[in-house]
Amino acid sequence: MVRFGKVSLVGAGPGDPELLTVKATRLIAGAGLVVYDRLVGEAVLDLVPAAARRIDVGKESGRHALPQDEINRLLVDLARSGQDVVRLKGGDPFVFGRGGEEALHLARHGIPHDIVPGITAASGCAAAVGIPLTHRGLSDGVRLVTGHRQDDGELDLNFTALADPNCTLVVYMGVGSAVRLAASLMEAGLPGGTLVAVIERGTTPSQRLLTATLDTLSEQMRIWTPKPPALLMIGRVVSLALERPRIGEPAEVAHA
């Protein structure tokens, strides 16, 4: 009987290797074959054994190392060859990581697999700059959305529902669409003075934080020119980052 390898879909967190779960660290340290995404931090990849085979399937806007369908097929083919695979995904596999698609594909082909959750960028980056996702009197809920636009199309979001001043809005992959996003939220009724934080490379030594408002974000983005990976946080809770002491913090901070 042919033995299939096992695929572990492992959340690599937002970049800081000390934020990995114990299980993720164990699997990475014992890996013989690692398939990883672009958003997996370099410091996390440094934990992969030197002798392990590495396959980069990273995707970014305008450049696709492998389309998702081919990644799905690759995982099945590797497992069918009897190899155990550590599939490293930035953040959490099930939060805008397409981990659900990969898990379903593996299940449909009879490949044993498990999912190891990771700290998603929303919680990791927010904590790194001192912004709570919810806070009594400021935010009673949180919404996670993606700002990625397929083929530079329009954002397919319900801005009427998202323009809630009592909720924190977190936008993944939103740098390229930030200006359009801010305009759409204001058109939907969210005040132009609503605070915005842009967190670039959160939890890493090169972390940068920009704070602005919806109506100044366009100008500040031109001045500051943040680059992916970066996360947008919108809402009253951003005010708490402005109160946080910066003593000993390595991150660069810019305020509008």
Protein backbone atom coordinates (compact mmCIF):
# COMPACT_ATOMS: atom_id res chain seq x y z
CA MET A 1 0.00 0.00 0.00
CA VAL A 2 1.34 3.42 -0.99
CA ARG A 3 1.92 5.76 1.93
CA PHE A 4 0.83 9.32 1.35
CA GLY A 5 2.74 12.09 3.06
CA LYS A 6 0.99 14.48 5.42
CA VAL A 7 0.55 18.18 4.68
CA SER A 8 0.55 20.59 7.60
CA LEU A 9 -0.93 24.00 6.79
CA VAL A 10 1.02 26.12 9.26
CA GLY A 11 0.33 29.73 10.16
CA ALA A 12 3.65 31.60 10.26
CA GLY A 13 2.22 34.69 11.94
CA PRO A 14 2.89 38.30 10.91
CA GLY A 15 6.69 38.09 10.89
CA ASP A 16 8.11 37.92 14.40
CA PRO A 17 9.29 34.32 14.94
CA GLU A 18 8.62 34.61 18.68
CA LEU A 19 4.90 34.84 17.86
CA LEU A 20 4.86 31.33 16.37
CA THR A 21 2.88 28.72 18.24
CA VAL A 22 4.79 25.90 19.92
CA LYS A 23 3.36 23.44 17.40
CA ALA A 24 4.35 25.59 14.44
CA THR A 25 7.90 25.95 15.77
CA ARG A 26 8.19 22.18 16.24
CA LEU A 27 6.95 21.40 12.74
CA ILE A 28 9.22 23.99 11.12
CA ALA A 29 12.27 22.79 13.06
CA GLY A 30 11.62 19.19 11.99
CA ALA A 31 10.66 19.89 8.38
CA GLY A 32 12.26 18.09 5.47
CA LEU A 33 10.17 19.91 2.85
CA VAL A 34 8.71 23.41 3.17
CA VAL A 35 6.37 25.13 0.72
CA TYR A 36 6.11 28.79 1.63
CA ASP A 37 4.45 32.08 0.67
CA ARG A 38 5.94 35.52 0.11
CA LEU A 39 4.47 36.86 3.35
CA VAL A 40 6.35 34.38 5.53
CA GLY A 41 8.93 36.43 7.43
CA GLU A 42 12.63 35.92 6.77
CA ALA A 43 13.23 35.35 10.47
CA VAL A 44 10.69 32.51 10.38
CA LEU A 45 12.33 30.95 7.33
CA ASP A 46 15.64 31.06 9.20
CA LEU A 47 14.18 28.37 11.49
CA VAL A 48 13.85 25.91 8.62
CA PRO A 49 16.63 23.27 8.76
CA ALA A 50 19.46 23.94 6.32
CA ALA A 51 19.04 20.49 4.78
CA ALA A 52 15.32 20.92 4.11
CA ARG A 53 14.05 21.40 0.58
CA ARG A 54 12.33 24.75 0.09
CA ILE A 55 9.76 25.61 -2.56
CA ASP A 56 8.78 29.26 -2.96
CA VAL A 57 5.24 29.62 -4.27
CA GLY A 58 4.92 33.25 -3.16
CA LYS A 59 2.40 35.52 -4.78
CA GLU A 60 2.35 39.29 -4.93
CA SER A 61 0.50 41.90 -6.95
CA GLY A 62 1.60 41.64 -10.57
CA ARG A 63 3.78 38.57 -10.02
CA HIS A 64 2.63 35.04 -9.38
CA ALA A 65 5.26 32.42 -8.70
CA LEU A 66 2.51 29.80 -8.93
CA PRO A 67 -1.24 30.28 -9.42
CA GLN A 68 -3.37 28.89 -6.59
CA ASP A 69 -4.62 25.94 -8.64
CA GLU A 70 -1.06 24.88 -9.30
CA ILE A 71 -0.17 25.23 -5.62
CA ASN A 72 -3.08 22.94 -4.79
CA ARG A 73 -1.86 20.36 -7.29
CA LEU A 74 1.73 20.67 -6.07
CA LEU A 75 0.74 19.85 -2.50
CA VAL A 76 -1.15 16.77 -3.62
CA ASP A 77 1.70 15.60 -5.85
CA LEU A 78 4.29 16.03 -3.10
CA ALA A 79 2.15 14.15 -0.58
CA ARG A 80 1.43 11.36 -3.07
CA SER A 81 5.19 10.92 -3.49
CA GLY A 82 5.29 10.03 0.22
CA GLN A 83 6.77 13.28 1.46
CA ASP A 84 5.54 15.12 4.54
CA VAL A 85 5.05 18.79 3.72
CA VAL A 86 5.09 21.86 5.94
CA ARG A 87 3.01 24.42 4.06
CA LEU A 88 3.97 27.78 5.59
CA LYS A 89 1.47 30.60 5.18
CA GLY A 90 1.82 34.15 6.48
CA GLY A 91 -0.48 35.02 9.37
CA ASP A 92 -3.25 32.47 9.85
CA PRO A 93 -4.05 30.00 7.05
CA PHE A 94 -7.79 30.62 7.37
CA VAL A 95 -7.73 34.44 7.41
CA PHE A 96 -7.30 35.66 3.82
CA GLY A 97 -4.67 32.94 3.40
CA ARG A 98 -6.62 30.64 1.04
CA GLY A 99 -5.92 27.86 3.50
CA GLY A 100 -9.52 26.73 3.21
CA GLU A 101 -9.10 26.13 -0.52
CA GLU A 102 -5.93 24.13 0.02
CA ALA A 103 -7.46 22.07 2.84
CA LEU A 104 -10.52 21.25 0.73
CA HIS A 105 -8.36 20.23 -2.23
CA LEU A 106 -6.26 17.96 -0.01
CA ALA A 107 -9.37 16.41 1.53
CA ARG A 108 -10.94 15.75 -1.86
CA HIS A 109 -7.81 13.88 -2.93
CA GLY A 110 -7.54 11.83 0.24
CA ILE A 111 -4.38 13.53 1.50
CA PRO A 112 -3.93 13.55 5.28
CA HIS A 113 -3.49 17.07 6.56
CA ASP A 114 -3.89 19.31 9.55
CA ILE A 115 -4.16 23.04 10.16
CA VAL A 116 -1.98 24.90 12.63
CA PRO A 117 -3.44 28.34 13.32
CA GLY A 118 -1.20 31.38 13.47
CA ILE A 119 -1.49 34.92 14.79
CA THR A 120 -3.19 36.84 12.03
CA ALA A 121 -1.88 40.24 10.95
CA ALA A 122 -4.86 42.08 12.46
CA SER A 123 -4.07 41.00 16.02
CA GLY A 124 -0.28 40.84 15.64
CA CYS A 125 0.20 44.23 14.02
CA ALA A 126 -2.40 45.91 16.21
CA ALA A 127 -0.66 44.68 19.34
CA ALA A 128 2.73 45.75 18.01
CA VAL A 129 1.63 49.39 17.79
CA GLY A 130 -0.65 49.42 20.81
CA ILE A 131 -4.02 49.55 19.05
CA PRO A 132 -6.68 47.26 20.56
CA LEU A 133 -9.09 45.81 18.06
CA THR A 134 -11.95 46.52 20.46
CA HIS A 135 -12.06 48.92 23.40
CA ARG A 136 -14.88 49.90 25.71
CA GLY A 137 -16.37 53.21 24.63
CA LEU A 138 -14.47 53.29 21.34
CA SER A 139 -15.25 50.09 19.45
CA ASP A 140 -17.68 47.28 20.15
CA GLY A 141 -16.76 45.13 17.17
CA VAL A 142 -14.21 44.47 14.46
CA ARG A 143 -14.49 43.74 10.74
CA LEU A 144 -11.73 42.11 8.68
CA VAL A 145 -11.76 42.72 4.92
CA THR A 146 -9.30 42.55 2.05
CA GLY A 147 -8.39 45.53 -0.10
CA HIS A 148 -6.96 43.39 -2.87
CA ARG A 149 -8.47 44.18 -6.24
CA GLN A 150 -8.44 41.51 -8.94
CA ASP A 151 -6.99 42.92 -12.19
CA ASP A 152 -7.13 46.47 -10.76
CA GLY A 153 -10.93 46.33 -10.63
CA GLU A 154 -13.29 48.00 -8.21
CA LEU A 155 -13.37 47.05 -4.56
CA ASP A 156 -16.19 44.58 -4.05
CA LEU A 157 -17.12 45.66 -0.53
CA ASN A 158 -20.34 46.73 1.19
CA PHE A 159 -19.20 50.20 2.22
CA THR A 160 -22.56 51.07 3.75
CA ALA A 161 -22.13 48.23 6.23
CA LEU A 162 -18.45 49.00 6.79
CA ALA A 163 -18.94 52.70 7.51
CA ASP A 164 -19.74 52.04 11.17
CA PRO A 165 -18.07 54.46 13.62
CA ASN A 166 -18.59 52.00 16.48
CA CYS A 167 -16.58 49.27 14.75
CA THR A 168 -12.88 48.82 13.98
CA LEU A 169 -12.22 48.13 10.31
CA VAL A 170 -9.05 46.20 9.44
CA VAL A 171 -8.02 46.02 5.79
CA TYR A 172 -5.55 43.39 4.62
CA MET A 173 -3.55 44.01 1.43
CA GLY A 174 -4.96 47.51 1.29
CA VAL A 175 -2.01 49.75 0.37
CA GLY A 176 -2.79 49.88 -3.34
CA SER A 177 -6.46 50.63 -2.75
CA ALA A 178 -6.18 52.80 0.39
CA VAL A 179 -7.08 56.09 -1.27
CA ARG A 180 -10.08 54.60 -3.07
CA LEU A 181 -11.11 52.83 0.13
CA ALA A 182 -11.03 56.05 2.17
CA ALA A 183 -13.09 57.91 -0.42
CA SER A 184 -15.69 55.14 -0.55
CA LEU A 185 -16.02 55.02 3.23
CA MET A 186 -16.56 58.79 3.38
CA GLU A 187 -19.12 58.57 0.60
CA ALA A 188 -20.91 55.92 2.69
CA GLY A 189 -21.09 58.29 5.66
CA LEU A 190 -17.99 57.67 7.77
CA PRO A 191 -16.65 61.08 8.93
CA GLY A 192 -13.52 62.35 7.19
CA GLY A 193 -11.91 62.86 10.59
CA THR A 194 -11.98 59.13 11.34
CA LEU A 195 -8.50 57.97 12.32
CA VAL A 196 -6.50 55.61 10.14
CA ALA A 197 -3.34 53.65 10.94
CA VAL A 198 -1.14 52.13 8.26
CA ILE A 199 1.17 49.50 9.73
CA GLU A 200 3.99 48.46 7.41
CA ARG A 201 5.88 45.21 8.12
CA GLY A 202 4.24 44.92 11.52
CA THR A 203 6.00 42.97 14.32
CA THR A 204 9.35 43.05 12.46
CA PRO A 205 12.41 45.26 13.15
CA SER A 206 11.55 47.33 10.04
CA GLN A 207 8.01 48.09 11.24
CA ARG A 208 6.65 51.56 10.41
CA LEU A 209 3.44 53.23 11.55
CA LEU A 210 1.60 56.08 9.85
CA THR A 211 -1.46 57.69 11.39
CA ALA A 212 -3.77 59.92 9.41
CA THR A 213 -7.48 60.52 8.93
CA LEU A 214 -9.68 59.41 6.09
CA ASP A 215 -9.60 62.88 4.55
CA THR A 216 -5.80 63.27 4.86
CA LEU A 217 -4.84 59.70 3.98
CA SER A 218 -4.30 60.39 0.27
CA GLU A 219 -1.78 63.15 0.97
CA GLN A 220 -0.02 61.19 3.71
CA MET A 221 0.28 58.10 1.51
CA ARG A 222 2.06 60.18 -1.14
CA ILE A 223 4.46 61.57 1.47
CA TRP A 224 5.11 58.34 3.33
CA THR A 225 4.80 55.85 0.43
CA PRO A 226 4.23 52.67 2.46
CA LYS A 227 4.96 49.40 0.70
CA PRO A 228 3.36 45.96 1.13
CA PRO A 229 3.01 44.09 3.33
CA ALA A 230 1.02 46.68 5.20
CA LEU A 231 -2.23 46.67 7.14
CA LEU A 232 -4.83 49.43 7.48
CA MET A 233 -6.76 49.98 10.72
CA ILE A 234 -9.64 52.44 10.69
CA GLY A 235 -11.60 53.67 13.69
CA ARG A 236 -11.54 55.40 17.05
CA VAL A 237 -9.20 52.83 18.59
CA VAL A 238 -6.33 54.27 16.53
CA SER A 239 -6.32 57.18 18.99
CA LEU A 240 -4.84 54.84 21.60
CA ALA A 241 -1.70 54.36 19.52
CA LEU A 242 -1.10 58.09 19.74
CA GLU A 243 -1.12 57.88 23.55
CA ARG A 244 1.29 54.95 23.76
CA PRO A 245 4.81 55.75 25.02
CA ARG A 246 7.45 55.12 22.37
CA ILE A 247 10.39 54.61 24.77
CA GLY A 248 12.68 51.88 23.47
CA GLU A 249 10.47 51.09 20.48
CA PRO A 250 12.43 50.40 17.28
CA ALA A 251 9.57 51.14 14.92
CA GLU A 252 9.43 54.30 12.84
CA VAL A 253 6.34 56.37 13.55
CA ALA A 254 4.84 59.13 11.39
CA HIS A 255 1.79 61.19 12.30
CA ALA A 256 -0.29 63.31 9.97
